[in-house]
Amino acid sequence: MNKDSFTGQAVYSKKVLSIYDIWVLGFSNSYLWKCPTSLIGKKFVALVSDNHLDVGVGTGYYLKNYLPSAVKRVALVDLNNNSLESTSKAIQHLNPEVYCRDILKPLTLSNEKFDSVSINYLLHCLPGDLSEKSIAFSHLRDVMNKGAVLFGSTILGKDTSQNNLAKKLMAFYNKKGIFSNANDDLVSLDTALKAHFYDVKIKVVGCVAIFSGIKI
C-alpha cells in the first residue's frame, strides 16, 4: 500500500472503532456534516441486494442495522484488519467473505461477482482528488454483475455549507491525512461516477453526497 492509503485507514484502531458510531455517525453527522445517518441507512435499504459487497466497512454499522437477514451472500473489503475483524464478527451468522484489499489497486476476489456494492465514507479518506481516486470505481465495476448498483456516501470538502467547527475539523483531518477531500466537490463526483456508471444519482445533504449508479 502507498503511504497515503495507509494514513487514511491507520487511524481506525480498536479504540477508535469503539467510539466511531457515537462520534462520526452520531455527533458528526448530525451537528457537523449535517446529514443524519438515517438518510444513508435508507439508501442502503433501498438498494442493497442479497449478493452484496461492502467496501470500507468501518464498524459494520450499516450491515448490522440495515442488511436483510435473508441475504444470501455478503462480502467485506477494507484495508484495515481491525475493521474487518470487528465487522465480520458482528455478522458472522451470515458467513461473510473477508478481503483485506487496497481499493486503489485492482481487486482479486472470488470469481462470483456482485449485484450491489456499498461504499460509505471511504472516498473522502482516499488520497488524491476525485479524478485520481475514482480509479476505485473502475476496480469495483470489475467485480460487479451487469445491471448491478453501486451506492454510497462521501463528505465533500468544497462548495458545501460548513459551520465553523466543521471547517476546523475538516482542515485538521486533511492535515493529518485522515481525510483527503479539500478539493472534492459535486461536479467532480458526478464526473467520476458517470465515467463508470449510468443512471447516476447524487443528493447533497449538508456536506455529504449520497450517490448511486448502475453498471451497464
C-alpha atoms as a PDB file:
ATOM      1  CA  MET A   1       0.000   0.000   0.000  1.00  0.00           C
ATOM      2  CA  ASN A   2       1.221   3.530  -0.563  1.00  0.00           C
ATOM      3  CA  LYS A   3       1.856   5.792   2.415  1.00  0.00           C
ATOM      4  CA  ASP A   4      -1.202   7.971   1.846  1.00  0.00           C
ATOM      5  CA  SER A   5      -3.534   4.991   1.631  1.00  0.00           C
ATOM      6  CA  PHE A   6      -2.117   3.702   4.891  1.00  0.00           C
ATOM      7  CA  THR A   7      -2.597   7.056   6.643  1.00  0.00           C
ATOM      8  CA  GLY A   8      -6.278   7.245   5.744  1.00  0.00           C
ATOM      9  CA  GLN A   9      -7.074   3.901   7.328  1.00  0.00           C
ATOM     10  CA  ALA A  10      -4.461   3.605  10.080  1.00  0.00           C
ATOM     11  CA  VAL A  11      -6.448   5.806  12.468  1.00  0.00           C
ATOM     12  CA  TYR A  12      -9.056   3.069  12.899  1.00  0.00           C
ATOM     13  CA  SER A  13      -7.587   1.302  15.886  1.00  0.00           C
ATOM     14  CA  LYS A  14      -9.801  -0.851  18.086  1.00  0.00           C
ATOM     15  CA  LYS A  15     -10.104   2.091  20.496  1.00  0.00           C
ATOM     16  CA  VAL A  16     -11.203   4.487  17.757  1.00  0.00           C
ATOM     17  CA  LEU A  17     -13.657   1.963  16.351  1.00  0.00           C
ATOM     18  CA  SER A  18     -15.224   1.614  19.802  1.00  0.00           C
ATOM     19  CA  ILE A  19     -16.361   5.264  19.678  1.00  0.00           C
ATOM     20  CA  TYR A  20     -16.776   5.621  15.903  1.00  0.00           C
ATOM     21  CA  ASP A  21     -20.542   5.161  15.809  1.00  0.00           C
ATOM     22  CA  ILE A  22     -21.089   7.721  18.548  1.00  0.00           C
ATOM     23  CA  TRP A  23     -18.615  10.316  17.258  1.00  0.00           C
ATOM     24  CA  VAL A  24     -18.995  10.012  13.481  1.00  0.00           C
ATOM     25  CA  LEU A  25     -22.438   8.543  12.844  1.00  0.00           C
ATOM     26  CA  GLY A  26     -23.991  10.224  15.844  1.00  0.00           C
ATOM     27  CA  PHE A  27     -22.465  13.608  16.656  1.00  0.00           C
ATOM     28  CA  SER A  28     -20.507  14.487  13.499  1.00  0.00           C
ATOM     29  CA  ASN A  29     -23.201  13.533  11.001  1.00  0.00           C
ATOM     30  CA  SER A  30     -25.900  15.391  12.896  1.00  0.00           C
ATOM     31  CA  TYR A  31     -24.061  18.520  14.031  1.00  0.00           C
ATOM     32  CA  LEU A  32     -21.026  18.942  11.758  1.00  0.00           C
ATOM     33  CA  TRP A  33     -21.719  17.358   8.372  1.00  0.00           C
ATOM     34  CA  LYS A  34     -25.484  17.996   8.733  1.00  0.00           C
ATOM     35  CA  CYS A  35     -26.530  14.685   7.193  1.00  0.00           C
ATOM     36  CA  PRO A  36     -28.413  12.326   9.538  1.00  0.00           C
ATOM     37  CA  THR A  37     -27.070   8.788   9.411  1.00  0.00           C
ATOM     38  CA  SER A  38     -30.631   7.542   8.897  1.00  0.00           C
ATOM     39  CA  LEU A  39     -30.644   9.041   5.373  1.00  0.00           C
ATOM     40  CA  ILE A  40     -27.642   6.958   4.405  1.00  0.00           C
ATOM     41  CA  GLY A  41     -29.319   3.963   6.017  1.00  0.00           C
ATOM     42  CA  LYS A  42     -32.456   4.472   3.937  1.00  0.00           C
ATOM     43  CA  LYS A  43     -30.347   4.470   0.772  1.00  0.00           C
ATOM     44  CA  PHE A  44     -28.760   1.232   1.927  1.00  0.00           C
ATOM     45  CA  VAL A  45     -32.129  -0.434   2.490  1.00  0.00           C
ATOM     46  CA  ALA A  46     -33.432   0.727  -0.876  1.00  0.00           C
ATOM     47  CA  LEU A  47     -30.508  -0.553  -2.956  1.00  0.00           C
ATOM     48  CA  VAL A  48     -28.859  -3.475  -1.169  1.00  0.00           C
ATOM     49  CA  SER A  49     -29.226  -6.900  -2.820  1.00  0.00           C
ATOM     50  CA  ASP A  50     -28.895 -10.438  -1.471  1.00  0.00           C
ATOM     51  CA  ASN A  51     -25.498 -10.670  -3.220  1.00  0.00           C
ATOM     52  CA  HIS A  52     -23.723  -7.701  -1.676  1.00  0.00           C
ATOM     53  CA  LEU A  53     -20.221  -6.271  -1.284  1.00  0.00           C
ATOM     54  CA  ASP A  54     -19.498  -3.641   1.392  1.00  0.00           C
ATOM     55  CA  VAL A  55     -16.336  -1.589   0.895  1.00  0.00           C
ATOM     56  CA  GLY A  56     -14.738   0.430   3.680  1.00  0.00           C
ATOM     57  CA  VAL A  57     -16.681  -1.387   6.358  1.00  0.00           C
ATOM     58  CA  GLY A  58     -15.784   0.732   9.399  1.00  0.00           C
ATOM     59  CA  THR A  59     -17.687  -0.778  12.323  1.00  0.00           C
ATOM     60  CA  GLY A  60     -20.157  -2.557  10.056  1.00  0.00           C
ATOM     61  CA  TYR A  61     -22.910  -0.186  11.202  1.00  0.00           C
ATOM     62  CA  TYR A  62     -24.999  -0.329   8.033  1.00  0.00           C
ATOM     63  CA  LEU A  63     -24.599  -4.079   7.696  1.00  0.00           C
ATOM     64  CA  LYS A  64     -25.616  -4.633  11.314  1.00  0.00           C
ATOM     65  CA  ASN A  65     -28.590  -2.313  11.192  1.00  0.00           C
ATOM     66  CA  TYR A  66     -29.872  -2.407   7.613  1.00  0.00           C
ATOM     67  CA  LEU A  67     -28.762  -5.638   5.945  1.00  0.00           C
ATOM     68  CA  PRO A  68     -31.717  -8.001   5.377  1.00  0.00           C
ATOM     69  CA  SER A  69     -31.496 -11.138   7.500  1.00  0.00           C
ATOM     70  CA  ALA A  70     -32.225 -13.307   4.471  1.00  0.00           C
ATOM     71  CA  VAL A  71     -29.222 -12.084   2.480  1.00  0.00           C
ATOM     72  CA  LYS A  72     -27.595 -14.959   0.605  1.00  0.00           C
ATOM     73  CA  ARG A  73     -24.097 -13.574   0.228  1.00  0.00           C
ATOM     74  CA  VAL A  74     -22.155 -10.696   1.742  1.00  0.00           C
ATOM     75  CA  ALA A  75     -18.510  -9.777   1.344  1.00  0.00           C
ATOM     76  CA  LEU A  76     -16.305  -7.235   3.109  1.00  0.00           C
ATOM     77  CA  VAL A  77     -13.421  -5.245   1.636  1.00  0.00           C
ATOM     78  CA  ASP A  78     -11.247  -2.977   3.747  1.00  0.00           C
ATOM     79  CA  LEU A  79      -7.580  -2.156   4.191  1.00  0.00           C
ATOM     80  CA  ASN A  80      -7.880  -2.149   7.974  1.00  0.00           C
ATOM     81  CA  ASN A  81      -7.843  -5.513   9.722  1.00  0.00           C
ATOM     82  CA  ASN A  82      -9.433  -4.095  12.874  1.00  0.00           C
ATOM     83  CA  SER A  83     -12.485  -3.053  10.872  1.00  0.00           C
ATOM     84  CA  LEU A  84     -12.642  -6.384   9.084  1.00  0.00           C
ATOM     85  CA  GLU A  85     -12.367  -8.344  12.314  1.00  0.00           C
ATOM     86  CA  SER A  86     -14.996  -6.296  14.137  1.00  0.00           C
ATOM     87  CA  THR A  87     -17.486  -6.340  11.287  1.00  0.00           C
ATOM     88  CA  SER A  88     -17.046  -9.993  10.360  1.00  0.00           C
ATOM     89  CA  LYS A  89     -17.702 -10.991  13.967  1.00  0.00           C
ATOM     90  CA  ALA A  90     -20.822  -8.829  14.110  1.00  0.00           C
ATOM     91  CA  ILE A  91     -22.337 -10.590  11.084  1.00  0.00           C
ATOM     92  CA  GLN A  92     -20.681 -13.980  11.467  1.00  0.00           C
ATOM     93  CA  HIS A  93     -24.063 -15.682  11.184  1.00  0.00           C
ATOM     94  CA  LEU A  94     -24.004 -14.664   7.509  1.00  0.00           C
ATOM     95  CA  ASN A  95     -20.570 -16.236   6.907  1.00  0.00           C
ATOM     96  CA  PRO A  96     -19.143 -13.141   5.207  1.00  0.00           C
ATOM     97  CA  GLU A  97     -16.299 -13.312   2.730  1.00  0.00           C
ATOM     98  CA  VAL A  98     -13.475 -11.158   4.096  1.00  0.00           C
ATOM     99  CA  TYR A  99     -10.862  -9.435   1.927  1.00  0.00           C
ATOM    100  CA  CYS A 100      -8.080  -7.132   3.117  1.00  0.00           C
ATOM    101  CA  ARG A 101      -7.565  -5.040  -0.005  1.00  0.00           C
ATOM    102  CA  ASP A 102      -6.492  -1.573  -1.167  1.00  0.00           C
ATOM    103  CA  ILE A 103      -9.387  -0.279  -3.273  1.00  0.00           C
ATOM    104  CA  LEU A 104      -6.966   1.857  -5.287  1.00  0.00           C
ATOM    105  CA  LYS A 105      -5.495  -1.326  -6.720  1.00  0.00           C
ATOM    106  CA  PRO A 106      -7.226  -3.987  -8.856  1.00  0.00           C
ATOM    107  CA  LEU A 107      -9.306  -6.298  -6.686  1.00  0.00           C
ATOM    108  CA  THR A 108      -8.699 -10.026  -6.571  1.00  0.00           C
ATOM    109  CA  LEU A 109     -11.810 -11.508  -5.007  1.00  0.00           C
ATOM    110  CA  SER A 110     -13.816 -14.653  -5.689  1.00  0.00           C
ATOM    111  CA  ASN A 111     -14.857 -15.419  -9.251  1.00  0.00           C
ATOM    112  CA  GLU A 112     -18.506 -14.708  -8.487  1.00  0.00           C
ATOM    113  CA  LYS A 113     -19.425 -11.051  -8.998  1.00  0.00           C
ATOM    114  CA  PHE A 114     -21.854  -8.893  -7.003  1.00  0.00           C
ATOM    115  CA  ASP A 115     -25.298  -7.396  -7.601  1.00  0.00           C
ATOM    116  CA  SER A 116     -24.785  -4.445  -5.258  1.00  0.00           C
ATOM    117  CA  VAL A 117     -21.826  -2.605  -3.777  1.00  0.00           C
ATOM    118  CA  SER A 118     -21.875  -0.058  -0.954  1.00  0.00           C
ATOM    119  CA  ILE A 119     -19.039   2.377  -0.313  1.00  0.00           C
ATOM    120  CA  ASN A 120     -19.873   4.685   2.571  1.00  0.00           C
ATOM    121  CA  TYR A 121     -17.487   7.311   3.940  1.00  0.00           C
ATOM    122  CA  LEU A 122     -14.441   5.920   2.172  1.00  0.00           C
ATOM    123  CA  LEU A 123     -13.848   8.223  -0.807  1.00  0.00           C
ATOM    124  CA  HIS A 124     -13.035  11.245   1.338  1.00  0.00           C
ATOM    125  CA  CYS A 125     -10.347   9.178   3.104  1.00  0.00           C
ATOM    126  CA  LEU A 126      -8.592   8.108  -0.099  1.00  0.00           C
ATOM    127  CA  PRO A 127      -5.532  10.101  -1.254  1.00  0.00           C
ATOM    128  CA  GLY A 128      -5.667  12.495  -4.198  1.00  0.00           C
ATOM    129  CA  ASP A 129      -8.541  14.357  -5.787  1.00  0.00           C
ATOM    130  CA  LEU A 130     -11.630  12.674  -7.180  1.00  0.00           C
ATOM    131  CA  SER A 131     -10.194  12.356 -10.675  1.00  0.00           C
ATOM    132  CA  GLU A 132      -7.393  10.241  -9.180  1.00  0.00           C
ATOM    133  CA  LYS A 133      -9.183   8.207  -6.533  1.00  0.00           C
ATOM    134  CA  SER A 134     -12.117   7.468  -8.841  1.00  0.00           C
ATOM    135  CA  ILE A 135      -9.948   4.576 -10.051  1.00  0.00           C
ATOM    136  CA  ALA A 136     -11.711   2.833  -7.175  1.00  0.00           C
ATOM    137  CA  PHE A 137     -14.932   2.954  -9.232  1.00  0.00           C
ATOM    138  CA  SER A 138     -13.181   1.132 -12.057  1.00  0.00           C
ATOM    139  CA  HIS A 139     -11.942  -1.589  -9.723  1.00  0.00           C
ATOM    140  CA  LEU A 140     -15.386  -2.021  -8.177  1.00  0.00           C
ATOM    141  CA  ARG A 141     -17.059  -2.077 -11.573  1.00  0.00           C
ATOM    142  CA  ASP A 142     -14.861  -5.053 -12.463  1.00  0.00           C
ATOM    143  CA  VAL A 143     -16.377  -7.138  -9.647  1.00  0.00           C
ATOM    144  CA  MET A 144     -19.995  -6.172 -10.366  1.00  0.00           C
ATOM    145  CA  ASN A 145     -22.526  -8.045 -12.491  1.00  0.00           C
ATOM    146  CA  LYS A 146     -24.229  -6.309 -15.394  1.00  0.00           C
ATOM    147  CA  GLY A 147     -27.066  -4.186 -14.015  1.00  0.00           C
ATOM    148  CA  ALA A 148     -25.576  -4.161 -10.519  1.00  0.00           C
ATOM    149  CA  VAL A 149     -25.844  -0.983  -8.460  1.00  0.00           C
ATOM    150  CA  LEU A 150     -23.094   0.875  -6.663  1.00  0.00           C
ATOM    151  CA  PHE A 151     -24.175   3.258  -3.921  1.00  0.00           C
ATOM    152  CA  GLY A 152     -22.652   5.142  -1.053  1.00  0.00           C
ATOM    153  CA  SER A 153     -21.802   8.441   0.522  1.00  0.00           C
ATOM    154  CA  THR A 154     -18.849  10.769   0.894  1.00  0.00           C
ATOM    155  CA  ILE A 155     -18.077  14.028   2.664  1.00  0.00           C
ATOM    156  CA  LEU A 156     -17.395  16.835   0.208  1.00  0.00           C
ATOM    157  CA  GLY A 157     -14.742  19.365   1.179  1.00  0.00           C
ATOM    158  CA  LYS A 158     -15.593  22.043  -1.354  1.00  0.00           C
ATOM    159  CA  ASP A 159     -18.639  24.139  -2.254  1.00  0.00           C
ATOM    160  CA  THR A 160     -20.801  22.987   0.648  1.00  0.00           C
ATOM    161  CA  SER A 161     -22.184  24.907   3.595  1.00  0.00           C
ATOM    162  CA  GLN A 162     -19.973  24.285   6.623  1.00  0.00           C
ATOM    163  CA  ASN A 163     -20.218  25.712  10.104  1.00  0.00           C
ATOM    164  CA  ASN A 164     -17.034  26.894  11.823  1.00  0.00           C
ATOM    165  CA  LEU A 165     -16.469  23.673  13.745  1.00  0.00           C
ATOM    166  CA  ALA A 166     -16.974  21.588  10.603  1.00  0.00           C
ATOM    167  CA  LYS A 167     -14.414  23.710   8.731  1.00  0.00           C
ATOM    168  CA  LYS A 168     -11.861  23.389  11.518  1.00  0.00           C
ATOM    169  CA  LEU A 169     -12.318  19.653  11.932  1.00  0.00           C
ATOM    170  CA  MET A 170     -12.188  19.002   8.194  1.00  0.00           C
ATOM    171  CA  ALA A 171      -8.998  21.067   7.895  1.00  0.00           C
ATOM    172  CA  PHE A 172      -7.485  19.116  10.805  1.00  0.00           C
ATOM    173  CA  TYR A 173      -8.422  15.760   9.259  1.00  0.00           C
ATOM    174  CA  ASN A 174      -6.935  16.814   5.920  1.00  0.00           C
ATOM    175  CA  LYS A 175      -3.731  17.999   7.577  1.00  0.00           C
ATOM    176  CA  LYS A 176      -3.365  14.657   9.364  1.00  0.00           C
ATOM    177  CA  GLY A 177      -4.118  12.670   6.201  1.00  0.00           C
ATOM    178  CA  ILE A 178      -7.237  11.105   7.696  1.00  0.00           C
ATOM    179  CA  PHE A 179      -9.283  12.940   5.039  1.00  0.00           C
ATOM    180  CA  SER A 180      -8.119  13.934   1.581  1.00  0.00           C
ATOM    181  CA  ASN A 181     -11.164  15.821   0.363  1.00  0.00           C
ATOM    182  CA  ALA A 182     -10.219  19.509   0.303  1.00  0.00           C
ATOM    183  CA  ASN A 183     -10.940  19.647  -3.444  1.00  0.00           C
ATOM    184  CA  ASP A 184     -13.782  17.102  -3.584  1.00  0.00           C
ATOM    185  CA  ASP A 185     -16.917  18.750  -4.949  1.00  0.00           C
ATOM    186  CA  LEU A 186     -20.223  17.750  -6.510  1.00  0.00           C
ATOM    187  CA  VAL A 187     -19.126  18.324 -10.108  1.00  0.00           C
ATOM    188  CA  SER A 188     -16.014  16.172  -9.702  1.00  0.00           C
ATOM    189  CA  LEU A 189     -18.003  13.371  -8.071  1.00  0.00           C
ATOM    190  CA  ASP A 190     -20.645  13.474 -10.794  1.00  0.00           C
ATOM    191  CA  THR A 191     -17.974  13.332 -13.495  1.00  0.00           C
ATOM    192  CA  ALA A 192     -16.181  10.437 -11.826  1.00  0.00           C
ATOM    193  CA  LEU A 193     -19.341   8.378 -11.370  1.00  0.00           C
ATOM    194  CA  LYS A 194     -20.604   8.985 -14.911  1.00  0.00           C
ATOM    195  CA  ALA A 195     -17.287   7.802 -16.319  1.00  0.00           C
ATOM    196  CA  HIS A 196     -18.050   4.326 -14.956  1.00  0.00           C
ATOM    197  CA  PHE A 197     -21.825   4.055 -14.416  1.00  0.00           C
ATOM    198  CA  TYR A 198     -25.137   5.171 -15.857  1.00  0.00           C
ATOM    199  CA  ASP A 199     -28.322   6.444 -14.218  1.00  0.00           C
ATOM    200  CA  VAL A 200     -26.110   8.285 -11.743  1.00  0.00           C
ATOM    201  CA  LYS A 201     -27.999   9.973  -8.919  1.00  0.00           C
ATOM    202  CA  ILE A 202     -26.470  12.280  -6.311  1.00  0.00           C
ATOM    203  CA  LYS A 203     -28.165  14.088  -3.448  1.00  0.00           C
ATOM    204  CA  VAL A 204     -26.179  16.527  -1.337  1.00  0.00           C
ATOM    205  CA  VAL A 205     -27.303  16.861   2.270  1.00  0.00           C
ATOM    206  CA  GLY A 206     -25.183  19.254   4.286  1.00  0.00           C
ATOM    207  CA  CYS A 207     -21.569  18.333   3.499  1.00  0.00           C
ATOM    208  CA  VAL A 208     -22.441  14.803   2.387  1.00  0.00           C
ATOM    209  CA  ALA A 209     -23.109  13.479  -1.100  1.00  0.00           C
ATOM    210  CA  ILE A 210     -25.322  10.381  -1.181  1.00  0.00           C
ATOM    211  CA  PHE A 211     -24.925   8.707  -4.571  1.00  0.00           C
ATOM    212  CA  SER A 212     -25.710   5.711  -6.743  1.00  0.00           C
ATOM    213  CA  GLY A 213     -25.013   4.392 -10.236  1.00  0.00           C
ATOM    214  CA  ILE A 214     -25.642   1.267 -12.286  1.00  0.00           C
ATOM    215  CA  LYS A 215     -23.194  -0.855 -14.262  1.00  0.00           C
ATOM    216  CA  ILE A 216     -24.163  -1.160 -17.896  1.00  0.00           C
END
